[in-house]
C-alpha atoms as a PDB file:
ATOM      1  CA  UNK A   1      -0.044   0.008   0.020  1.00  0.00           C
ATOM      2  CA  UNK A   2       1.180   3.570  -1.007  1.00  0.00           C
ATOM      3  CA  UNK A   3       2.037   5.992   1.994  1.00  0.00           C
ATOM      4  CA  UNK A   4       2.821   9.919   2.275  1.00  0.00           C
ATOM      5  CA  UNK A   5       5.266  10.213   4.404  1.00  0.00           C
ATOM      6  CA  UNK A   6       6.815  13.187   4.206  1.00  0.00           C
ATOM      7  CA  UNK A   7      10.520  13.510   5.768  1.00  0.00           C
ATOM      8  CA  UNK A   8      10.713  17.226   6.123  1.00  0.00           C
ATOM      9  CA  UNK A   9       9.958  19.085   9.436  1.00  0.00           C
ATOM     10  CA  UNK A  10       9.940  22.688  10.618  1.00  0.00           C
ATOM     11  CA  UNK A  11      13.756  23.086  11.148  1.00  0.00           C
ATOM     12  CA  UNK A  12      14.972  20.080   9.951  1.00  0.00           C
ATOM     13  CA  UNK A  13      16.150  19.016   6.624  1.00  0.00           C
ATOM     14  CA  UNK A  14      18.572  20.607   3.804  1.00  0.00           C
ATOM     15  CA  UNK A  15      18.327  24.611   3.529  1.00  0.00           C
ATOM     16  CA  UNK A  16      16.215  26.041   0.799  1.00  0.00           C
ATOM     17  CA  UNK A  17      17.508  28.644  -0.640  1.00  0.00           C
ATOM     18  CA  UNK A  18      15.136  32.148  -1.964  1.00  0.00           C
ATOM     19  CA  UNK A  19      14.375  30.087  -5.601  1.00  0.00           C
ATOM     20  CA  UNK A  20      12.962  26.864  -3.701  1.00  0.00           C
ATOM     21  CA  UNK A  21      11.428  28.804  -1.070  1.00  0.00           C
ATOM     22  CA  UNK A  22       9.826  30.532  -3.701  1.00  0.00           C
ATOM     23  CA  UNK A  23       8.842  27.525  -6.039  1.00  0.00           C
ATOM     24  CA  UNK A  24       7.625  26.233  -2.533  1.00  0.00           C
ATOM     25  CA  UNK A  25       4.983  29.001  -1.838  1.00  0.00           C
ATOM     26  CA  UNK A  26       4.271  29.137  -5.660  1.00  0.00           C
ATOM     27  CA  UNK A  27       3.813  25.459  -7.031  1.00  0.00           C
ATOM     28  CA  UNK A  28       3.461  23.048  -3.636  1.00  0.00           C
ATOM     29  CA  UNK A  29       0.626  23.688  -2.840  1.00  0.00           C
ATOM     30  CA  UNK A  30      -0.791  23.919  -6.159  1.00  0.00           C
ATOM     31  CA  UNK A  31       0.594  20.466  -7.381  1.00  0.00           C
ATOM     32  CA  UNK A  32      -0.485  19.045  -4.506  1.00  0.00           C
ATOM     33  CA  UNK A  33      -4.171  20.129  -5.108  1.00  0.00           C
ATOM     34  CA  UNK A  34      -4.099  18.897  -8.681  1.00  0.00           C
ATOM     35  CA  UNK A  35      -2.256  15.286  -8.251  1.00  0.00           C
ATOM     36  CA  UNK A  36      -2.759  12.654  -5.589  1.00  0.00           C
ATOM     37  CA  UNK A  37       0.923  11.816  -4.549  1.00  0.00           C
ATOM     38  CA  UNK A  38       1.995   8.571  -2.524  1.00  0.00           C
ATOM     39  CA  UNK A  39       5.536   7.793  -1.831  1.00  0.00           C
ATOM     40  CA  UNK A  40       7.260   4.019  -1.517  1.00  0.00           C
ATOM     41  CA  UNK A  41      10.465   3.682   0.654  1.00  0.00           C
ATOM     42  CA  UNK A  42      11.360   7.403   0.730  1.00  0.00           C
ATOM     43  CA  UNK A  43      13.520   6.493   3.477  1.00  0.00           C
ATOM     44  CA  UNK A  44      15.834   5.254   0.842  1.00  0.00           C
ATOM     45  CA  UNK A  45      17.039   8.480  -0.148  1.00  0.00           C
ATOM     46  CA  UNK A  46      19.911   9.293   2.119  1.00  0.00           C
ATOM     47  CA  UNK A  47      19.030  12.553   4.432  1.00  0.00           C
ATOM     48  CA  UNK A  48      22.562  13.885   3.541  1.00  0.00           C
ATOM     49  CA  UNK A  49      25.708  13.702   1.449  1.00  0.00           C
ATOM     50  CA  UNK A  50      25.805  13.357  -2.580  1.00  0.00           C
ATOM     51  CA  UNK A  51      23.354  11.111  -4.422  1.00  0.00           C
ATOM     52  CA  UNK A  52      22.166  10.988  -8.162  1.00  0.00           C
ATOM     53  CA  UNK A  53      18.593  10.295  -8.782  1.00  0.00           C
ATOM     54  CA  UNK A  54      17.713   8.835 -12.081  1.00  0.00           C
ATOM     55  CA  UNK A  55      13.926   9.017 -12.492  1.00  0.00           C
ATOM     56  CA  UNK A  56      11.749   7.284 -15.466  1.00  0.00           C
ATOM     57  CA  UNK A  57       9.908   9.862 -17.756  1.00  0.00           C
ATOM     58  CA  UNK A  58       5.998   9.683 -18.398  1.00  0.00           C
ATOM     59  CA  UNK A  59       4.684  13.085 -18.256  1.00  0.00           C
ATOM     60  CA  UNK A  60       5.900  16.693 -19.243  1.00  0.00           C
ATOM     61  CA  UNK A  61       4.786  17.469 -15.532  1.00  0.00           C
ATOM     62  CA  UNK A  62       7.119  14.907 -13.622  1.00  0.00           C
ATOM     63  CA  UNK A  63       9.628  17.818 -12.832  1.00  0.00           C
ATOM     64  CA  UNK A  64       6.969  19.305 -10.999  1.00  0.00           C
ATOM     65  CA  UNK A  65       6.218  15.833  -9.075  1.00  0.00           C
ATOM     66  CA  UNK A  66       9.587  14.597  -8.736  1.00  0.00           C
ATOM     67  CA  UNK A  67      10.242  17.886  -7.164  1.00  0.00           C
ATOM     68  CA  UNK A  68       7.865  17.643  -4.671  1.00  0.00           C
ATOM     69  CA  UNK A  69       9.009  14.318  -3.880  1.00  0.00           C
ATOM     70  CA  UNK A  70      12.930  15.309  -3.476  1.00  0.00           C
ATOM     71  CA  UNK A  71      11.317  18.408  -0.979  1.00  0.00           C
ATOM     72  CA  UNK A  72       9.137  15.790   0.989  1.00  0.00           C
ATOM     73  CA  UNK A  73      12.284  13.852   1.410  1.00  0.00           C
ATOM     74  CA  UNK A  74      13.685  16.587   3.354  1.00  0.00           C
ATOM     75  CA  UNK A  75      16.617  16.945   0.041  1.00  0.00           C
ATOM     76  CA  UNK A  76      17.088  19.766  -2.234  1.00  0.00           C
ATOM     77  CA  UNK A  77      16.673  18.880  -6.003  1.00  0.00           C
ATOM     78  CA  UNK A  78      19.084  19.753  -8.859  1.00  0.00           C
ATOM     79  CA  UNK A  79      18.206  18.989 -12.246  1.00  0.00           C
ATOM     80  CA  UNK A  80      20.305  18.478 -15.179  1.00  0.00           C
ATOM     81  CA  UNK A  81      18.028  20.215 -17.577  1.00  0.00           C
ATOM     82  CA  UNK A  82      18.195  20.763 -21.429  1.00  0.00           C
ATOM     83  CA  UNK A  83      20.047  24.244 -21.711  1.00  0.00           C
ATOM     84  CA  UNK A  84      16.809  25.398 -24.343  1.00  0.00           C
ATOM     85  CA  UNK A  85      14.563  25.502 -20.812  1.00  0.00           C
ATOM     86  CA  UNK A  86      17.041  27.910 -19.528  1.00  0.00           C
ATOM     87  CA  UNK A  87      16.701  30.672 -22.403  1.00  0.00           C
ATOM     88  CA  UNK A  88      13.083  31.348 -21.185  1.00  0.00           C
ATOM     89  CA  UNK A  89      12.714  34.600 -20.026  1.00  0.00           C
ATOM     90  CA  UNK A  90      12.490  35.036 -16.639  1.00  0.00           C
ATOM     91  CA  UNK A  91      12.902  30.987 -15.956  1.00  0.00           C
ATOM     92  CA  UNK A  92      16.414  30.682 -16.855  1.00  0.00           C
ATOM     93  CA  UNK A  93      17.567  33.112 -14.234  1.00  0.00           C
ATOM     94  CA  UNK A  94      15.693  31.134 -11.831  1.00  0.00           C
ATOM     95  CA  UNK A  95      16.673  27.719 -12.344  1.00  0.00           C
ATOM     96  CA  UNK A  96      20.194  28.876 -12.124  1.00  0.00           C
ATOM     97  CA  UNK A  97      19.040  30.342  -8.895  1.00  0.00           C
ATOM     98  CA  UNK A  98      18.379  27.153  -7.496  1.00  0.00           C
ATOM     99  CA  UNK A  99      20.942  25.362  -8.600  1.00  0.00           C
ATOM    100  CA  UNK A 100      20.025  23.606 -11.914  1.00  0.00           C
ATOM    101  CA  UNK A 101      22.217  22.631 -14.445  1.00  0.00           C
ATOM    102  CA  UNK A 102      21.878  23.229 -18.149  1.00  0.00           C
ATOM    103  CA  UNK A 103      23.208  20.855 -20.659  1.00  0.00           C
ATOM    104  CA  UNK A 104      23.675  21.166 -24.449  1.00  0.00           C
ATOM    105  CA  UNK A 105      24.189  17.543 -25.444  1.00  0.00           C
ATOM    106  CA  UNK A 106      26.582  16.957 -28.548  1.00  0.00           C
ATOM    107  CA  UNK A 107      28.949  20.091 -27.817  1.00  0.00           C
ATOM    108  CA  UNK A 108      31.827  20.634 -25.655  1.00  0.00           C
ATOM    109  CA  UNK A 109      29.739  22.585 -23.442  1.00  0.00           C
ATOM    110  CA  UNK A 110      27.995  18.859 -22.189  1.00  0.00           C
ATOM    111  CA  UNK A 111      31.582  18.132 -20.409  1.00  0.00           C
ATOM    112  CA  UNK A 112      31.380  21.745 -18.857  1.00  0.00           C
ATOM    113  CA  UNK A 113      27.820  20.488 -17.461  1.00  0.00           C
ATOM    114  CA  UNK A 114      29.368  17.322 -15.980  1.00  0.00           C
ATOM    115  CA  UNK A 115      31.840  19.628 -14.510  1.00  0.00           C
ATOM    116  CA  UNK A 116      29.114  21.688 -12.988  1.00  0.00           C
ATOM    117  CA  UNK A 117      27.315  18.116 -11.947  1.00  0.00           C
ATOM    118  CA  UNK A 118      30.425  16.934 -10.310  1.00  0.00           C
ATOM    119  CA  UNK A 119      31.137  20.183  -8.310  1.00  0.00           C
ATOM    120  CA  UNK A 120      27.233  20.091  -7.171  1.00  0.00           C
ATOM    121  CA  UNK A 121      27.712  16.261  -5.874  1.00  0.00           C
ATOM    122  CA  UNK A 122      31.503  17.106  -4.339  1.00  0.00           C
ATOM    123  CA  UNK A 123      29.317  19.762  -2.464  1.00  0.00           C
ATOM    124  CA  UNK A 124      26.871  17.403  -1.051  1.00  0.00           C
ATOM    125  CA  UNK A 125      24.325  17.973  -2.996  1.00  0.00           C
ATOM    126  CA  UNK A 126      21.278  15.747  -4.572  1.00  0.00           C
ATOM    127  CA  UNK A 127      21.153  15.561  -8.305  1.00  0.00           C
ATOM    128  CA  UNK A 128      18.311  14.441 -10.871  1.00  0.00           C
ATOM    129  CA  UNK A 129      18.499  12.891 -14.417  1.00  0.00           C
ATOM    130  CA  UNK A 130      15.596  11.584 -16.421  1.00  0.00           C
ATOM    131  CA  UNK A 131      18.277   9.440 -18.508  1.00  0.00           C
ATOM    132  CA  UNK A 132      15.779   8.943 -21.223  1.00  0.00           C
ATOM    133  CA  UNK A 133      15.904  12.509 -22.199  1.00  0.00           C
ATOM    134  CA  UNK A 134      12.182  12.863 -22.566  1.00  0.00           C
ATOM    135  CA  UNK A 135       8.929  11.269 -21.889  1.00  0.00           C
ATOM    136  CA  UNK A 136       9.137   8.150 -22.647  1.00  0.00           C
ATOM    137  CA  UNK A 137       7.855   6.675 -26.315  1.00  0.00           C
ATOM    138  CA  UNK A 138       7.246   3.374 -25.586  1.00  0.00           C
ATOM    139  CA  UNK A 139       4.068   2.145 -27.051  1.00  0.00           C
ATOM    140  CA  UNK A 140       3.223   0.871 -23.678  1.00  0.00           C
ATOM    141  CA  UNK A 141       4.972   3.385 -21.504  1.00  0.00           C
ATOM    142  CA  UNK A 142       7.926   1.722 -20.189  1.00  0.00           C
ATOM    143  CA  UNK A 143      11.427   2.971 -19.615  1.00  0.00           C
ATOM    144  CA  UNK A 144      12.815   3.231 -22.939  1.00  0.00           C
ATOM    145  CA  UNK A 145      16.601   3.658 -23.999  1.00  0.00           C
ATOM    146  CA  UNK A 146      18.421   6.247 -22.012  1.00  0.00           C
ATOM    147  CA  UNK A 147      21.050   8.661 -22.714  1.00  0.00           C
ATOM    148  CA  UNK A 148      24.822   8.171 -21.614  1.00  0.00           C
ATOM    149  CA  UNK A 149      24.631  11.717 -19.339  1.00  0.00           C
ATOM    150  CA  UNK A 150      23.920   9.905 -16.067  1.00  0.00           C
ATOM    151  CA  UNK A 151      26.403   6.690 -16.846  1.00  0.00           C
ATOM    152  CA  UNK A 152      29.070   9.620 -17.690  1.00  0.00           C
ATOM    153  CA  UNK A 153      28.544  11.321 -14.509  1.00  0.00           C
ATOM    154  CA  UNK A 154      28.413   7.735 -12.319  1.00  0.00           C
ATOM    155  CA  UNK A 155      32.222   6.965 -13.701  1.00  0.00           C
ATOM    156  CA  UNK A 156      33.154  10.844 -12.784  1.00  0.00           C
ATOM    157  CA  UNK A 157      32.083  10.247  -9.392  1.00  0.00           C
ATOM    158  CA  UNK A 158      32.371   6.168  -8.361  1.00  0.00           C
ATOM    159  CA  UNK A 159      31.810   6.449  -4.846  1.00  0.00           C
ATOM    160  CA  UNK A 160      28.262   8.601  -5.242  1.00  0.00           C
ATOM    161  CA  UNK A 161      24.723   6.042  -4.663  1.00  0.00           C
ATOM    162  CA  UNK A 162      23.062   6.063  -8.046  1.00  0.00           C
ATOM    163  CA  UNK A 163      19.394   5.973  -6.718  1.00  0.00           C
ATOM    164  CA  UNK A 164      16.406   4.601  -9.015  1.00  0.00           C
ATOM    165  CA  UNK A 165      13.035   6.407  -8.692  1.00  0.00           C
ATOM    166  CA  UNK A 166      10.422   4.664 -10.396  1.00  0.00           C
ATOM    167  CA  UNK A 167       6.970   6.542 -11.048  1.00  0.00           C
ATOM    168  CA  UNK A 168       4.003   5.857 -12.530  1.00  0.00           C
ATOM    169  CA  UNK A 169       0.160   7.386 -12.626  1.00  0.00           C
ATOM    170  CA  UNK A 170      -0.184  10.695 -13.685  1.00  0.00           C
ATOM    171  CA  UNK A 171       0.325   9.692 -17.550  1.00  0.00           C
ATOM    172  CA  UNK A 172      -3.279   8.530 -17.531  1.00  0.00           C
ATOM    173  CA  UNK A 173      -4.570  11.670 -17.337  1.00  0.00           C
ATOM    174  CA  UNK A 174      -2.416  14.402 -18.594  1.00  0.00           C
ATOM    175  CA  UNK A 175      -0.406  13.500 -21.921  1.00  0.00           C
ATOM    176  CA  UNK A 176       0.657  16.785 -23.978  1.00  0.00           C
ATOM    177  CA  UNK A 177       1.588  14.337 -26.472  1.00  0.00           C
ATOM    178  CA  UNK A 178      -2.179  13.108 -27.073  1.00  0.00           C
ATOM    179  CA  UNK A 179      -3.362  16.132 -26.408  1.00  0.00           C
ATOM    180  CA  UNK A 180      -5.016  14.950 -22.554  1.00  0.00           C
ATOM    181  CA  UNK A 181      -5.505  17.246 -19.446  1.00  0.00           C
ATOM    182  CA  UNK A 182      -7.937  15.572 -17.074  1.00  0.00           C
ATOM    183  CA  UNK A 183      -8.138  16.478 -13.811  1.00  0.00           C
ATOM    184  CA  UNK A 184     -11.236  15.561 -12.393  1.00  0.00           C
ATOM    185  CA  UNK A 185     -11.054  13.066 -10.514  1.00  0.00           C
ATOM    186  CA  UNK A 186      -7.859  13.824  -9.215  1.00  0.00           C
ATOM    187  CA  UNK A 187      -4.783  12.092 -10.891  1.00  0.00           C
ATOM    188  CA  UNK A 188      -2.874   9.548  -8.721  1.00  0.00           C
ATOM    189  CA  UNK A 189       0.523   9.329  -8.951  1.00  0.00           C
ATOM    190  CA  UNK A 190       3.298   6.972  -7.520  1.00  0.00           C
ATOM    191  CA  UNK A 191       7.117   7.521  -6.585  1.00  0.00           C
ATOM    192  CA  UNK A 192       9.105   4.566  -5.480  1.00  0.00           C
ATOM    193  CA  UNK A 193      12.549   4.393  -4.321  1.00  0.00           C
ATOM    194  CA  UNK A 194      14.882   1.476  -5.372  1.00  0.00           C
ATOM    195  CA  UNK A 195      17.739   0.140  -3.839  1.00  0.00           C
ATOM    196  CA  UNK A 196      20.969   1.955  -5.090  1.00  0.00           C
ATOM    197  CA  UNK A 197      22.297   0.334  -8.397  1.00  0.00           C
ATOM    198  CA  UNK A 198      25.215  -1.912  -7.741  1.00  0.00           C
ATOM    199  CA  UNK A 199      28.026  -0.539 -10.788  1.00  0.00           C
ATOM    200  CA  UNK A 200      30.996  -1.922  -9.254  1.00  0.00           C
ATOM    201  CA  UNK A 201      31.662  -4.251 -12.316  1.00  0.00           C
ATOM    202  CA  UNK A 202      32.228  -0.867 -14.169  1.00  0.00           C
ATOM    203  CA  UNK A 203      34.944   0.616 -11.513  1.00  0.00           C
ATOM    204  CA  UNK A 204      38.063  -0.769 -13.051  1.00  0.00           C
ATOM    205  CA  UNK A 205      37.006  -0.260 -16.664  1.00  0.00           C
ATOM    206  CA  UNK A 206      37.453   2.935 -19.201  1.00  0.00           C
ATOM    207  CA  UNK A 207      34.511   4.603 -19.441  1.00  0.00           C
ATOM    208  CA  UNK A 208      34.538   4.403 -23.510  1.00  0.00           C
ATOM    209  CA  UNK A 209      31.153   4.489 -25.526  1.00  0.00           C
ATOM    210  CA  UNK A 210      30.836   0.584 -24.934  1.00  0.00           C
ATOM    211  CA  UNK A 211      30.932   0.633 -21.307  1.00  0.00           C
ATOM    212  CA  UNK A 212      28.768   3.609 -20.939  1.00  0.00           C
ATOM    213  CA  UNK A 213      25.924   2.369 -22.779  1.00  0.00           C
ATOM    214  CA  UNK A 214      26.072  -1.009 -20.700  1.00  0.00           C
ATOM    215  CA  UNK A 215      26.052   0.950 -17.422  1.00  0.00           C
ATOM    216  CA  UNK A 216      23.028   2.992 -19.163  1.00  0.00           C
ATOM    217  CA  UNK A 217      21.146  -0.048 -20.062  1.00  0.00           C
ATOM    218  CA  UNK A 218      21.448  -1.452 -16.664  1.00  0.00           C
ATOM    219  CA  UNK A 219      20.294   1.703 -15.125  1.00  0.00           C
ATOM    220  CA  UNK A 220      17.046   1.791 -17.409  1.00  0.00           C
ATOM    221  CA  UNK A 221      16.851  -1.727 -16.850  1.00  0.00           C
ATOM    222  CA  UNK A 222      16.130  -1.566 -13.002  1.00  0.00           C
ATOM    223  CA  UNK A 223      13.718   1.144 -13.337  1.00  0.00           C
ATOM    224  CA  UNK A 224      12.157  -0.743 -15.765  1.00  0.00           C
ATOM    225  CA  UNK A 225      11.841  -3.217 -13.251  1.00  0.00           C
ATOM    226  CA  UNK A 226      10.578  -1.016 -10.413  1.00  0.00           C
ATOM    227  CA  UNK A 227       8.026   0.471 -12.669  1.00  0.00           C
ATOM    228  CA  UNK A 228       6.970  -3.060 -13.243  1.00  0.00           C
ATOM    229  CA  UNK A 229       6.107  -3.498  -9.622  1.00  0.00           C
ATOM    230  CA  UNK A 230       4.406  -0.432  -9.499  1.00  0.00           C
ATOM    231  CA  UNK A 231       2.575  -1.481 -12.510  1.00  0.00           C
ATOM    232  CA  UNK A 232       1.844  -5.142 -11.087  1.00  0.00           C
ATOM    233  CA  UNK A 233       3.056  -6.462 -14.279  1.00  0.00           C
ATOM    234  CA  UNK A 234       5.702  -8.540 -15.089  1.00  0.00           C
ATOM    235  CA  UNK A 235       8.595  -6.667 -16.758  1.00  0.00           C
ATOM    236  CA  UNK A 236       9.101  -6.914 -20.451  1.00  0.00           C
ATOM    237  CA  UNK A 237      11.533  -8.959 -21.508  1.00  0.00           C
ATOM    238  CA  UNK A 238      14.075  -7.696 -24.692  1.00  0.00           C
ATOM    239  CA  UNK A 239      15.913  -4.665 -25.358  1.00  0.00           C
ATOM    240  CA  UNK A 240      14.397  -1.576 -24.297  1.00  0.00           C
ATOM    241  CA  UNK A 241      12.814   0.408 -26.503  1.00  0.00           C
ATOM    242  CA  UNK A 242      14.683   3.052 -28.956  1.00  0.00           C
ATOM    243  CA  UNK A 243      13.310   5.781 -30.047  1.00  0.00           C
ATOM    244  CA  UNK A 244      15.175   8.965 -31.840  1.00  0.00           C
ATOM    245  CA  UNK A 245      14.107  12.154 -33.098  1.00  0.00           C
ATOM    246  CA  UNK A 246      13.694  12.725 -36.786  1.00  0.00           C
ATOM    247  CA  UNK A 247      17.196  13.215 -38.913  1.00  0.00           C
ATOM    248  CA  UNK A 248      19.131  12.225 -35.047  1.00  0.00           C
ATOM    249  CA  UNK A 249      21.755   9.743 -35.611  1.00  0.00           C
ATOM    250  CA  UNK A 250      22.461   6.975 -32.948  1.00  0.00           C
ATOM    251  CA  UNK A 251      25.917   8.724 -31.754  1.00  0.00           C
ATOM    252  CA  UNK A 252      23.708  11.948 -31.193  1.00  0.00           C
ATOM    253  CA  UNK A 253      21.670  10.338 -28.699  1.00  0.00           C
ATOM    254  CA  UNK A 254      24.426   9.747 -26.111  1.00  0.00           C
END
């Protein structure tokens, strides 16, 4: 049975800066009102120290739901997000104020993003990544093949735990691809924390593209297994679904 258990209490939890306090006041309660959220095994999230959180992507409102979840877990999330979001007037400034990190894929700037992410982890922060890079296009909603950003980051900080958070539910009511937004009755959504992913087998291997793809595959398969538990279904067998944007080459999808 899913339960809503909040670990953040007055005077406890990781401190929020001005940006996050503003988000808390402006967005936290509307999101709580619009979506009925439940949490499973929140205690598996570390209460201090760095962590890399990897989450499957089911809806365009994921960032709000995942942010609420991390805040309720008494931590302050920092997202690695598409650089285009930071170009939006006022939004980009607010994103940077909250500690989010812009990512420009396929360029030398991507390395700078990783350096900023490593610095944030060395300062003890929590980073959140959607390895798929976009809302899943798998026909049945399962986590699909991911990009290698989370794997690259994990190899740079091998002692930082990589923690999977599986989510499911709201996509049945809010699906912008299908232009479907149904908020009555209130959508239900569950987020569940898994055990840290064991990547020790890769510790002594050079982080070439083959290794990075193997790490990414392990991360996404674990998320698929955890999502199957939420859906009370067996996890699909076989390869993860692969989706590419029109004109995107396989090497660009990393």
